[in-house]
Amino acid sequence: MCHRSVSSRIWDLLGTKTVSKGHIAVYLGETSKKRFMIPISYLNHPLFEGLLNLAEEEFGFNHPTGSLTIPCSKGYFISLTRLLKFS
């Protein structure tokens, strides 16, 4: 029986789902979720806080998937993150 290290098993589980340092993964939508990586600094921006408030109202703090899911369209989210990138 071949024993693999714990770190290699974790890497297999995470695969490409790892998040770069200083970023957080967020998901959009309710059924077919799209994953985006954003800088953590966006979380403190007033415009992004509005999205977080929507997520709290929609899902509360106990979302079934355990992930930060934001109920907005992909187009709106991309427009917002572009705006935040240059502000």
PDB file of N, CA and C in Angstrom:
ATOM      1  N   MET A   1       0.842  -1.174   0.000  1.00  0.00           N
ATOM      2  CA  MET A   1       0.000   0.000   0.000  1.00  0.00           C
ATOM      3  C   MET A   1       0.890   1.241   0.000  1.00  0.00           C
ATOM      4  N   CYS A   2       0.635   2.143  -0.893  1.00  0.00           N
ATOM      5  CA  CYS A   2       1.426   3.356  -1.028  1.00  0.00           C
ATOM      6  C   CYS A   2       0.801   4.461  -0.178  1.00  0.00           C
ATOM      7  N   HIS A   3       1.611   5.076   0.686  1.00  0.00           N
ATOM      8  CA  HIS A   3       1.123   6.172   1.522  1.00  0.00           C
ATOM      9  C   HIS A   3       1.578   7.491   0.937  1.00  0.00           C
ATOM     10  N   ARG A   4       0.640   8.379   0.756  1.00  0.00           N
ATOM     11  CA  ARG A   4       0.971   9.702   0.243  1.00  0.00           C
ATOM     12  C   ARG A   4       0.931  10.688   1.391  1.00  0.00           C
ATOM     13  N   SER A   5       1.686  11.762   1.245  1.00  0.00           N
ATOM     14  CA  SER A   5       1.696  12.771   2.296  1.00  0.00           C
ATOM     15  C   SER A   5       0.347  13.475   2.375  1.00  0.00           C
ATOM     16  N   VAL A   6       0.070  14.008   3.545  1.00  0.00           N
ATOM     17  CA  VAL A   6      -1.173  14.733   3.739  1.00  0.00           C
ATOM     18  C   VAL A   6      -1.230  15.921   2.790  1.00  0.00           C
ATOM     19  N   SER A   7      -0.100  16.622   2.621  1.00  0.00           N
ATOM     20  CA  SER A   7      -0.108  17.795   1.748  1.00  0.00           C
ATOM     21  C   SER A   7      -0.428  17.420   0.306  1.00  0.00           C
ATOM     22  N   SER A   8       0.046  16.281  -0.158  1.00  0.00           N
ATOM     23  CA  SER A   8      -0.265  15.898  -1.540  1.00  0.00           C
ATOM     24  C   SER A   8      -1.735  15.529  -1.686  1.00  0.00           C
ATOM     25  N   ARG A   9      -2.329  14.938  -0.651  1.00  0.00           N
ATOM     26  CA  ARG A   9      -3.764  14.625  -0.705  1.00  0.00           C
ATOM     27  C   ARG A   9      -4.594  15.903  -0.683  1.00  0.00           C
ATOM     28  N   ILE A  10      -4.184  16.874   0.128  1.00  0.00           N
ATOM     29  CA  ILE A  10      -4.890  18.152   0.161  1.00  0.00           C
ATOM     30  C   ILE A  10      -4.779  18.828  -1.191  1.00  0.00           C
ATOM     31  N   TRP A  11      -3.587  18.801  -1.784  1.00  0.00           N
ATOM     32  CA  TRP A  11      -3.403  19.409  -3.106  1.00  0.00           C
ATOM     33  C   TRP A  11      -4.322  18.761  -4.128  1.00  0.00           C
ATOM     34  N   ASP A  12      -4.471  17.440  -4.070  1.00  0.00           N
ATOM     35  CA  ASP A  12      -5.376  16.742  -4.983  1.00  0.00           C
ATOM     36  C   ASP A  12      -6.819  17.210  -4.795  1.00  0.00           C
ATOM     37  N   LEU A  13      -7.215  17.393  -3.545  1.00  0.00           N
ATOM     38  CA  LEU A  13      -8.578  17.830  -3.272  1.00  0.00           C
ATOM     39  C   LEU A  13      -8.810  19.255  -3.750  1.00  0.00           C
ATOM     40  N   LEU A  14      -7.820  20.119  -3.538  1.00  0.00           N
ATOM     41  CA  LEU A  14      -7.974  21.513  -3.917  1.00  0.00           C
ATOM     42  C   LEU A  14      -7.781  21.728  -5.404  1.00  0.00           C
ATOM     43  N   GLY A  15      -6.811  21.045  -5.970  1.00  0.00           N
ATOM     44  CA  GLY A  15      -6.521  21.170  -7.397  1.00  0.00           C
ATOM     45  C   GLY A  15      -6.361  22.623  -7.792  1.00  0.00           C
ATOM     46  N   THR A  16      -7.149  23.062  -8.751  1.00  0.00           N
ATOM     47  CA  THR A  16      -7.068  24.446  -9.209  1.00  0.00           C
ATOM     48  C   THR A  16      -7.939  25.372  -8.381  1.00  0.00           C
ATOM     49  N   LYS A  17      -8.476  24.886  -7.306  1.00  0.00           N
ATOM     50  CA  LYS A  17      -9.340  25.705  -6.476  1.00  0.00           C
ATOM     51  C   LYS A  17      -8.551  26.526  -5.457  1.00  0.00           C
ATOM     52  N   THR A  18      -7.246  26.512  -5.531  1.00  0.00           N
ATOM     53  CA  THR A  18      -6.470  27.305  -4.597  1.00  0.00           C
ATOM     54  C   THR A  18      -6.633  28.780  -4.917  1.00  0.00           C
ATOM     55  N   VAL A  19      -6.479  29.582  -3.890  1.00  0.00           N
ATOM     56  CA  VAL A  19      -6.660  31.018  -4.016  1.00  0.00           C
ATOM     57  C   VAL A  19      -5.320  31.691  -3.761  1.00  0.00           C
ATOM     58  N   SER A  20      -4.964  32.635  -4.614  1.00  0.00           N
ATOM     59  CA  SER A  20      -3.710  33.361  -4.465  1.00  0.00           C
ATOM     60  C   SER A  20      -3.715  34.172  -3.181  1.00  0.00           C
ATOM     61  N   LYS A  21      -2.551  34.359  -2.622  1.00  0.00           N
ATOM     62  CA  LYS A  21      -2.409  35.150  -1.400  1.00  0.00           C
ATOM     63  C   LYS A  21      -2.969  36.555  -1.646  1.00  0.00           C
ATOM     64  N   GLY A  22      -3.742  37.043  -0.670  1.00  0.00           N
ATOM     65  CA  GLY A  22      -4.327  38.370  -0.782  1.00  0.00           C
ATOM     66  C   GLY A  22      -5.624  38.408  -1.562  1.00  0.00           C
ATOM     67  N   HIS A  23      -6.164  37.246  -1.916  1.00  0.00           N
ATOM     68  CA  HIS A  23      -7.404  37.159  -2.689  1.00  0.00           C
ATOM     69  C   HIS A  23      -8.415  36.273  -1.965  1.00  0.00           C
ATOM     70  N   ILE A  24      -9.643  36.356  -2.420  1.00  0.00           N
ATOM     71  CA  ILE A  24     -10.711  35.514  -1.889  1.00  0.00           C
ATOM     72  C   ILE A  24     -11.555  35.031  -3.070  1.00  0.00           C
ATOM     73  N   ALA A  25     -12.059  33.829  -2.953  1.00  0.00           N
ATOM     74  CA  ALA A  25     -12.940  33.289  -3.991  1.00  0.00           C
ATOM     75  C   ALA A  25     -14.376  33.652  -3.646  1.00  0.00           C
ATOM     76  N   VAL A  26     -15.100  34.138  -4.638  1.00  0.00           N
ATOM     77  CA  VAL A  26     -16.531  34.404  -4.486  1.00  0.00           C
ATOM     78  C   VAL A  26     -17.256  33.720  -5.628  1.00  0.00           C
ATOM     79  N   TYR A  27     -18.504  33.396  -5.384  1.00  0.00           N
ATOM     80  CA  TYR A  27     -19.322  32.724  -6.385  1.00  0.00           C
ATOM     81  C   TYR A  27     -20.508  33.604  -6.721  1.00  0.00           C
ATOM     82  N   LEU A  28     -20.913  33.583  -7.977  1.00  0.00           N
ATOM     83  CA  LEU A  28     -22.059  34.362  -8.438  1.00  0.00           C
ATOM     84  C   LEU A  28     -23.193  33.430  -8.800  1.00  0.00           C
ATOM     85  N   GLY A  29     -24.404  33.901  -8.581  1.00  0.00           N
ATOM     86  CA  GLY A  29     -25.570  33.142  -8.992  1.00  0.00           C
ATOM     87  C   GLY A  29     -26.081  32.207  -7.918  1.00  0.00           C
ATOM     88  N   GLU A  30     -27.186  31.583  -8.234  1.00  0.00           N
ATOM     89  CA  GLU A  30     -27.797  30.679  -7.273  1.00  0.00           C
ATOM     90  C   GLU A  30     -27.736  29.222  -7.725  1.00  0.00           C
ATOM     91  N   THR A  31     -27.895  28.984  -9.016  1.00  0.00           N
ATOM     92  CA  THR A  31     -27.892  27.597  -9.481  1.00  0.00           C
ATOM     93  C   THR A  31     -26.572  27.238 -10.142  1.00  0.00           C
ATOM     94  N   SER A  32     -26.236  27.886 -11.235  1.00  0.00           N
ATOM     95  CA  SER A  32     -24.955  27.598 -11.897  1.00  0.00           C
ATOM     96  C   SER A  32     -23.951  28.657 -11.464  1.00  0.00           C
ATOM     97  N   LYS A  33     -23.204  28.326 -10.446  1.00  0.00           N
ATOM     98  CA  LYS A  33     -22.283  29.281  -9.852  1.00  0.00           C
ATOM     99  C   LYS A  33     -21.014  29.447 -10.672  1.00  0.00           C
ATOM    100  N   LYS A  34     -20.578  30.673 -10.806  1.00  0.00           N
ATOM    101  CA  LYS A  34     -19.325  31.000 -11.486  1.00  0.00           C
ATOM    102  C   LYS A  34     -18.375  31.520 -10.417  1.00  0.00           C
ATOM    103  N   ARG A  35     -17.160  30.995 -10.388  1.00  0.00           N
ATOM    104  CA  ARG A  35     -16.172  31.345  -9.368  1.00  0.00           C
ATOM    105  C   ARG A  35     -15.265  32.453  -9.871  1.00  0.00           C
ATOM    106  N   PHE A  36     -15.065  33.462  -9.021  1.00  0.00           N
ATOM    107  CA  PHE A  36     -14.159  34.568  -9.312  1.00  0.00           C
ATOM    108  C   PHE A  36     -13.210  34.763  -8.148  1.00  0.00           C
ATOM    109  N   MET A  37     -12.016  35.200  -8.452  1.00  0.00           N
ATOM    110  CA  MET A  37     -11.035  35.547  -7.422  1.00  0.00           C
ATOM    111  C   MET A  37     -10.917  37.060  -7.408  1.00  0.00           C
ATOM    112  N   ILE A  38     -11.050  37.642  -6.221  1.00  0.00           N
ATOM    113  CA  ILE A  38     -10.942  39.092  -6.110  1.00  0.00           C
ATOM    114  C   ILE A  38      -9.951  39.431  -4.992  1.00  0.00           C
ATOM    115  N   PRO A  39      -9.319  40.591  -5.082  1.00  0.00           N
ATOM    116  CA  PRO A  39      -8.452  41.020  -3.982  1.00  0.00           C
ATOM    117  C   PRO A  39      -9.271  41.225  -2.704  1.00  0.00           C
ATOM    118  N   ILE A  40      -8.715  40.865  -1.587  1.00  0.00           N
ATOM    119  CA  ILE A  40      -9.396  41.030  -0.300  1.00  0.00           C
ATOM    120  C   ILE A  40      -9.747  42.496  -0.059  1.00  0.00           C
ATOM    121  N   SER A  41      -8.942  43.404  -0.578  1.00  0.00           N
ATOM    122  CA  SER A  41      -9.182  44.835  -0.369  1.00  0.00           C
ATOM    123  C   SER A  41     -10.550  45.275  -0.892  1.00  0.00           C
ATOM    124  N   TYR A  42     -11.107  44.574  -1.869  1.00  0.00           N
ATOM    125  CA  TYR A  42     -12.427  44.925  -2.399  1.00  0.00           C
ATOM    126  C   TYR A  42     -13.516  44.809  -1.330  1.00  0.00           C
ATOM    127  N   LEU A  43     -13.326  43.930  -0.366  1.00  0.00           N
ATOM    128  CA  LEU A  43     -14.348  43.678   0.646  1.00  0.00           C
ATOM    129  C   LEU A  43     -14.658  44.915   1.479  1.00  0.00           C
ATOM    130  N   ASN A  44     -13.710  45.852   1.577  1.00  0.00           N
ATOM    131  CA  ASN A  44     -13.916  47.063   2.369  1.00  0.00           C
ATOM    132  C   ASN A  44     -14.445  48.232   1.558  1.00  0.00           C
ATOM    133  N   HIS A  45     -14.573  48.079   0.267  1.00  0.00           N
ATOM    134  CA  HIS A  45     -15.053  49.170  -0.577  1.00  0.00           C
ATOM    135  C   HIS A  45     -16.573  49.288  -0.429  1.00  0.00           C
ATOM    136  N   PRO A  46     -17.094  50.534  -0.274  1.00  0.00           N
ATOM    137  CA  PRO A  46     -18.537  50.716  -0.091  1.00  0.00           C
ATOM    138  C   PRO A  46     -19.401  50.069  -1.180  1.00  0.00           C
ATOM    139  N   LEU A  47     -18.971  50.114  -2.434  1.00  0.00           N
ATOM    140  CA  LEU A  47     -19.759  49.483  -3.504  1.00  0.00           C
ATOM    141  C   LEU A  47     -19.823  47.971  -3.337  1.00  0.00           C
ATOM    142  N   PHE A  48     -18.707  47.377  -2.955  1.00  0.00           N
ATOM    143  CA  PHE A  48     -18.692  45.928  -2.782  1.00  0.00           C
ATOM    144  C   PHE A  48     -19.442  45.539  -1.513  1.00  0.00           C
ATOM    145  N   GLU A  49     -19.391  46.401  -0.500  1.00  0.00           N
ATOM    146  CA  GLU A  49     -20.149  46.128   0.719  1.00  0.00           C
ATOM    147  C   GLU A  49     -21.646  46.020   0.412  1.00  0.00           C
ATOM    148  N   GLY A  50     -22.104  46.789  -0.589  1.00  0.00           N
ATOM    149  CA  GLY A  50     -23.498  46.668  -1.014  1.00  0.00           C
ATOM    150  C   GLY A  50     -23.822  45.266  -1.499  1.00  0.00           C
ATOM    151  N   LEU A  51     -22.897  44.668  -2.260  1.00  0.00           N
ATOM    152  CA  LEU A  51     -23.102  43.290  -2.720  1.00  0.00           C
ATOM    153  C   LEU A  51     -23.087  42.310  -1.550  1.00  0.00           C
ATOM    154  N   LEU A  52     -22.214  42.564  -0.583  1.00  0.00           N
ATOM    155  CA  LEU A  52     -22.157  41.689   0.589  1.00  0.00           C
ATOM    156  C   LEU A  52     -23.457  41.773   1.393  1.00  0.00           C
ATOM    157  N   ASN A  53     -24.029  42.966   1.462  1.00  0.00           N
ATOM    158  CA  ASN A  53     -25.320  43.113   2.150  1.00  0.00           C
ATOM    159  C   ASN A  53     -26.417  42.339   1.423  1.00  0.00           C
ATOM    160  N   LEU A  54     -26.386  42.387   0.079  1.00  0.00           N
ATOM    161  CA  LEU A  54     -27.349  41.595  -0.697  1.00  0.00           C
ATOM    162  C   LEU A  54     -27.187  40.102  -0.425  1.00  0.00           C
ATOM    163  N   ALA A  55     -25.943  39.670  -0.375  1.00  0.00           N
ATOM    164  CA  ALA A  55     -25.669  38.252  -0.113  1.00  0.00           C
ATOM    165  C   ALA A  55     -26.173  37.857   1.270  1.00  0.00           C
ATOM    166  N   GLU A  56     -25.984  38.739   2.241  1.00  0.00           N
ATOM    167  CA  GLU A  56     -26.464  38.447   3.592  1.00  0.00           C
ATOM    168  C   GLU A  56     -27.983  38.353   3.624  1.00  0.00           C
ATOM    169  N   GLU A  57     -28.657  39.281   2.933  1.00  0.00           N
ATOM    170  CA  GLU A  57     -30.116  39.263   2.896  1.00  0.00           C
ATOM    171  C   GLU A  57     -30.637  38.006   2.202  1.00  0.00           C
ATOM    172  N   GLU A  58     -29.954  37.609   1.121  1.00  0.00           N
ATOM    173  CA  GLU A  58     -30.402  36.460   0.331  1.00  0.00           C
ATOM    174  C   GLU A  58     -30.087  35.126   1.009  1.00  0.00           C
ATOM    175  N   PHE A  59     -28.875  34.997   1.532  1.00  0.00           N
ATOM    176  CA  PHE A  59     -28.408  33.707   2.026  1.00  0.00           C
ATOM    177  C   PHE A  59     -28.133  33.673   3.525  1.00  0.00           C
ATOM    178  N   GLY A  60     -28.037  34.829   4.167  1.00  0.00           N
ATOM    179  CA  GLY A  60     -27.636  34.855   5.566  1.00  0.00           C
ATOM    180  C   GLY A  60     -26.164  34.495   5.687  1.00  0.00           C
ATOM    181  N   PHE A  61     -25.756  34.168   6.874  1.00  0.00           N
ATOM    182  CA  PHE A  61     -24.355  33.816   7.088  1.00  0.00           C
ATOM    183  C   PHE A  61     -24.126  32.316   7.037  1.00  0.00           C
ATOM    184  N   ASN A  62     -25.156  31.572   6.723  1.00  0.00           N
ATOM    185  CA  ASN A  62     -25.053  30.119   6.761  1.00  0.00           C
ATOM    186  C   ASN A  62     -25.464  29.533   5.423  1.00  0.00           C
ATOM    187  N   HIS A  63     -24.763  29.926   4.358  1.00  0.00           N
ATOM    188  CA  HIS A  63     -25.092  29.435   3.014  1.00  0.00           C
ATOM    189  C   HIS A  63     -24.833  27.938   2.946  1.00  0.00           C
ATOM    190  N   PRO A  64     -25.713  27.176   2.295  1.00  0.00           N
ATOM    191  CA  PRO A  64     -25.578  25.718   2.240  1.00  0.00           C
ATOM    192  C   PRO A  64     -24.241  25.230   1.688  1.00  0.00           C
ATOM    193  N   THR A  65     -23.631  25.973   0.759  1.00  0.00           N
ATOM    194  CA  THR A  65     -22.367  25.516   0.187  1.00  0.00           C
ATOM    195  C   THR A  65     -21.173  25.919   1.035  1.00  0.00           C
ATOM    196  N   GLY A  66     -21.392  26.810   2.006  1.00  0.00           N
ATOM    197  CA  GLY A  66     -20.291  27.257   2.846  1.00  0.00           C
ATOM    198  C   GLY A  66     -19.379  28.245   2.149  1.00  0.00           C
ATOM    199  N   SER A  67     -19.794  28.762   1.021  1.00  0.00           N
ATOM    200  CA  SER A  67     -18.963  29.693   0.262  1.00  0.00           C
ATOM    201  C   SER A  67     -19.605  31.070   0.232  1.00  0.00           C
ATOM    202  N   LEU A  68     -18.803  32.071  -0.089  1.00  0.00           N
ATOM    203  CA  LEU A  68     -19.325  33.422  -0.245  1.00  0.00           C
ATOM    204  C   LEU A  68     -19.983  33.497  -1.619  1.00  0.00           C
ATOM    205  N   THR A  69     -21.303  33.523  -1.622  1.00  0.00           N
ATOM    206  CA  THR A  69     -22.072  33.551  -2.856  1.00  0.00           C
ATOM    207  C   THR A  69     -22.808  34.869  -2.951  1.00  0.00           C
ATOM    208  N   ILE A  70     -22.667  35.536  -4.085  1.00  0.00           N
ATOM    209  CA  ILE A  70     -23.255  36.850  -4.291  1.00  0.00           C
ATOM    210  C   ILE A  70     -24.353  36.743  -5.340  1.00  0.00           C
ATOM    211  N   PRO A  71     -25.572  37.205  -4.991  1.00  0.00           N
ATOM    212  CA  PRO A  71     -26.691  37.106  -5.929  1.00  0.00           C
ATOM    213  C   PRO A  71     -26.741  38.299  -6.887  1.00  0.00           C
ATOM    214  N   CYS A  72     -25.874  38.284  -7.888  1.00  0.00           N
ATOM    215  CA  CYS A  72     -25.919  39.331  -8.912  1.00  0.00           C
ATOM    216  C   CYS A  72     -25.488  38.719 -10.243  1.00  0.00           C
ATOM    217  N   SER A  73     -25.694  39.469 -11.302  1.00  0.00           N
ATOM    218  CA  SER A  73     -25.328  38.953 -12.621  1.00  0.00           C
ATOM    219  C   SER A  73     -23.815  39.038 -12.827  1.00  0.00           C
ATOM    220  N   LYS A  74     -23.339  38.202 -13.709  1.00  0.00           N
ATOM    221  CA  LYS A  74     -21.918  38.194 -14.052  1.00  0.00           C
ATOM    222  C   LYS A  74     -21.506  39.540 -14.641  1.00  0.00           C
ATOM    223  N   GLY A  75     -22.333  40.109 -15.516  1.00  0.00           N
ATOM    224  CA  GLY A  75     -22.027  41.390 -16.142  1.00  0.00           C
ATOM    225  C   GLY A  75     -21.877  42.506 -15.121  1.00  0.00           C
ATOM    226  N   TYR A  76     -22.809  42.553 -14.160  1.00  0.00           N
ATOM    227  CA  TYR A  76     -22.740  43.580 -13.119  1.00  0.00           C
ATOM    228  C   TYR A  76     -21.476  43.407 -12.288  1.00  0.00           C
ATOM    229  N   PHE A  77     -21.183  42.173 -11.919  1.00  0.00           N
ATOM    230  CA  PHE A  77     -20.012  41.894 -11.082  1.00  0.00           C
ATOM    231  C   PHE A  77     -18.725  42.291 -11.796  1.00  0.00           C
ATOM    232  N   ILE A  78     -18.611  41.955 -13.059  1.00  0.00           N
ATOM    233  CA  ILE A  78     -17.404  42.305 -13.822  1.00  0.00           C
ATOM    234  C   ILE A  78     -17.277  43.820 -13.942  1.00  0.00           C
ATOM    235  N   SER A  79     -18.376  44.497 -14.201  1.00  0.00           N
ATOM    236  CA  SER A  79     -18.335  45.965 -14.271  1.00  0.00           C
ATOM    237  C   SER A  79     -17.890  46.566 -12.949  1.00  0.00           C
ATOM    238  N   LEU A  80     -18.414  46.049 -11.861  1.00  0.00           N
ATOM    239  CA  LEU A  80     -18.060  46.557 -10.542  1.00  0.00           C
ATOM    240  C   LEU A  80     -16.582  46.317 -10.230  1.00  0.00           C
ATOM    241  N   THR A  81     -16.092  45.114 -10.511  1.00  0.00           N
ATOM    242  CA  THR A  81     -14.689  44.830 -10.201  1.00  0.00           C
ATOM    243  C   THR A  81     -13.749  45.649 -11.084  1.00  0.00           C
ATOM    244  N   ARG A  82     -14.136  45.926 -12.309  1.00  0.00           N
ATOM    245  CA  ARG A  82     -13.321  46.811 -13.156  1.00  0.00           C
ATOM    246  C   ARG A  82     -13.256  48.216 -12.573  1.00  0.00           C
ATOM    247  N   LEU A  83     -14.386  48.689 -12.091  1.00  0.00           N
ATOM    248  CA  LEU A  83     -14.439  50.003 -11.457  1.00  0.00           C
ATOM    249  C   LEU A  83     -13.558  50.036 -10.212  1.00  0.00           C
ATOM    250  N   LEU A  84     -13.637  48.993  -9.397  1.00  0.00           N
ATOM    251  CA  LEU A  84     -12.843  48.940  -8.169  1.00  0.00           C
ATOM    252  C   LEU A  84     -11.353  48.843  -8.473  1.00  0.00           C
ATOM    253  N   LYS A  85     -11.018  48.192  -9.561  1.00  0.00           N
ATOM    254  CA  LYS A  85      -9.615  48.027  -9.941  1.00  0.00           C
ATOM    255  C   LYS A  85      -8.949  49.379 -10.198  1.00  0.00           C
ATOM    256  N   PHE A  86      -9.708  50.318 -10.719  1.00  0.00           N
ATOM    257  CA  PHE A  86      -9.143  51.614 -11.075  1.00  0.00           C
ATOM    258  C   PHE A  86      -9.459  52.712 -10.061  1.00  0.00           C
ATOM    259  N   SER A  87     -10.091  52.348  -8.945  1.00  0.00           N
ATOM    260  CA  SER A  87     -10.386  53.372  -7.944  1.00  0.00           C
ATOM    261  C   SER A  87      -9.392  53.354  -6.805  1.00  0.00           C
TER     262      SER A  87
END
